[in-house]
C-alpha atoms as a PDB file:
ATOM      1  CA  MET A   1      -0.021   0.135  -0.098  1.00  0.00           C
ATOM      2  CA  VAL A   2       3.096   2.304   0.305  1.00  0.00           C
ATOM      3  CA  ARG A   3       4.071   2.146  -3.162  1.00  0.00           C
ATOM      4  CA  PRO A   4       0.838   3.831  -4.678  1.00  0.00           C
ATOM      5  CA  GLY A   5       1.611   6.739  -2.186  1.00  0.00           C
ATOM      6  CA  PHE A   6       5.140   6.985  -3.568  1.00  0.00           C
ATOM      7  CA  ALA A   7       3.566   6.962  -6.978  1.00  0.00           C
ATOM      8  CA  LEU A   8       1.350   9.607  -6.178  1.00  0.00           C
ATOM      9  CA  ALA A   9       4.093  11.715  -4.759  1.00  0.00           C
ATOM     10  CA  ASP A  10       6.233  11.254  -7.805  1.00  0.00           C
ATOM     11  CA  ALA A  11       3.139  12.321 -10.006  1.00  0.00           C
ATOM     12  CA  VAL A  12       2.651  15.466  -8.080  1.00  0.00           C
ATOM     13  CA  TRP A  13       6.292  16.260  -8.312  1.00  0.00           C
ATOM     14  CA  CYS A  14       6.692  15.592 -12.056  1.00  0.00           C
ATOM     15  CA  SER A  15       3.667  17.593 -12.844  1.00  0.00           C
ATOM     16  CA  ARG A  16       5.451  20.581 -11.292  1.00  0.00           C
ATOM     17  CA  THR A  17       2.737  21.034  -8.842  1.00  0.00           C
ATOM     18  CA  ASP A  18       4.071  22.843  -5.715  1.00  0.00           C
ATOM     19  CA  PRO A  19       3.759  20.506  -2.761  1.00  0.00           C
ATOM     20  CA  ALA A  20       3.650  23.473  -0.540  1.00  0.00           C
ATOM     21  CA  ARG A  21       0.167  24.151  -2.229  1.00  0.00           C
ATOM     22  CA  THR A  22      -1.024  20.659  -2.130  1.00  0.00           C
ATOM     23  CA  LEU A  23      -3.569  19.133   0.106  1.00  0.00           C
ATOM     24  CA  LEU A  24      -3.404  15.413   0.467  1.00  0.00           C
ATOM     25  CA  LEU A  25      -6.670  13.726   1.466  1.00  0.00           C
ATOM     26  CA  GLY A  26      -6.950   9.964   2.577  1.00  0.00           C
ATOM     27  CA  HIS A  27      -9.991   8.029   3.649  1.00  0.00           C
ATOM     28  CA  ARG A  28      -9.940   4.569   5.249  1.00  0.00           C
ATOM     29  CA  SER A  29      -7.310   2.676   3.294  1.00  0.00           C
ATOM     30  CA  GLY A  30      -6.466   5.791   1.141  1.00  0.00           C
ATOM     31  CA  CYS A  31      -4.970   7.061   4.403  1.00  0.00           C
ATOM     32  CA  ILE A  32      -1.752   5.014   3.883  1.00  0.00           C
ATOM     33  CA  VAL A  33      -1.531   6.156   0.394  1.00  0.00           C
ATOM     34  CA  ALA A  34      -1.870   9.944   1.363  1.00  0.00           C
ATOM     35  CA  ALA A  35       0.539   9.449   4.361  1.00  0.00           C
ATOM     36  CA  ALA A  36       3.313   7.712   2.119  1.00  0.00           C
ATOM     37  CA  ALA A  37       2.783  10.355  -0.466  1.00  0.00           C
ATOM     38  CA  ALA A  38       3.311  13.184   2.249  1.00  0.00           C
ATOM     39  CA  ARG A  39       6.419  11.270   3.575  1.00  0.00           C
ATOM     40  CA  ARG A  40       7.890  10.963   0.102  1.00  0.00           C
ATOM     41  CA  LEU A  41       7.148  14.484  -0.608  1.00  0.00           C
ATOM     42  CA  ALA A  42       9.019  15.810   2.650  1.00  0.00           C
ATOM     43  CA  ASP A  43      11.857  13.300   2.647  1.00  0.00           C
ATOM     44  CA  GLY A  44      12.491  12.488  -1.073  1.00  0.00           C
ATOM     45  CA  TYR A  45      11.972  15.922  -2.441  1.00  0.00           C
ATOM     46  CA  GLY A  46      12.438  17.984   0.564  1.00  0.00           C
ATOM     47  CA  ARG A  47       9.027  20.013   0.079  1.00  0.00           C
ATOM     48  CA  PRO A  48       6.315  18.898   2.348  1.00  0.00           C
ATOM     49  CA  ALA A  49       2.720  19.016   1.375  1.00  0.00           C
ATOM     50  CA  ALA A  50       0.792  21.880   2.748  1.00  0.00           C
ATOM     51  CA  GLN A  51      -1.837  19.651   4.480  1.00  0.00           C
ATOM     52  CA  LEU A  52      -2.387  15.958   5.146  1.00  0.00           C
ATOM     53  CA  THR A  53      -5.887  15.059   6.347  1.00  0.00           C
ATOM     54  CA  LEU A  54      -6.622  11.595   7.295  1.00  0.00           C
ATOM     55  CA  LEU A  55     -10.215  10.639   7.706  1.00  0.00           C
ATOM     56  CA  GLU A  56     -11.448   7.552   9.545  1.00  0.00           C
ATOM     57  CA  ALA A  57      -8.003   5.470   9.155  1.00  0.00           C
ATOM     58  CA  ALA A  58      -8.472   1.796   8.995  1.00  0.00           C
ATOM     59  CA  ASP A  59      -7.463   0.405  12.402  1.00  0.00           C
ATOM     60  CA  PHE A  60      -5.078  -2.206  10.802  1.00  0.00           C
ATOM     61  CA  TYR A  61      -3.083   0.711   9.110  1.00  0.00           C
ATOM     62  CA  HIS A  62      -2.474   2.757  12.430  1.00  0.00           C
ATOM     63  CA  SER A  63       0.940   1.452  13.086  1.00  0.00           C
ATOM     64  CA  VAL A  64       1.978   1.931   9.529  1.00  0.00           C
ATOM     65  CA  ILE A  65       0.745   5.248   9.385  1.00  0.00           C
ATOM     66  CA  PHE A  66       1.697   6.681  12.554  1.00  0.00           C
ATOM     67  CA  GLU A  67       4.930   4.732  13.576  1.00  0.00           C
ATOM     68  CA  ARG A  68       6.700   3.631  10.178  1.00  0.00           C
ATOM     69  CA  LEU A  69       5.956   6.409   7.951  1.00  0.00           C
END
């Protein structure tokens, strides 16, 4: 589930969209994708997203989202 987030971050970066003007929104299982994209933008490209919103994150992803990413 992390690789789609990296792909999303790469797509944002390659489209020349300014991450500082980007809102990433994830719902349920999409939370891990949005969190992975936010991490990739911040660590991989040195440009954090303006906002990361996680709605109703699936319980079994909590440790991945909040501890590993």
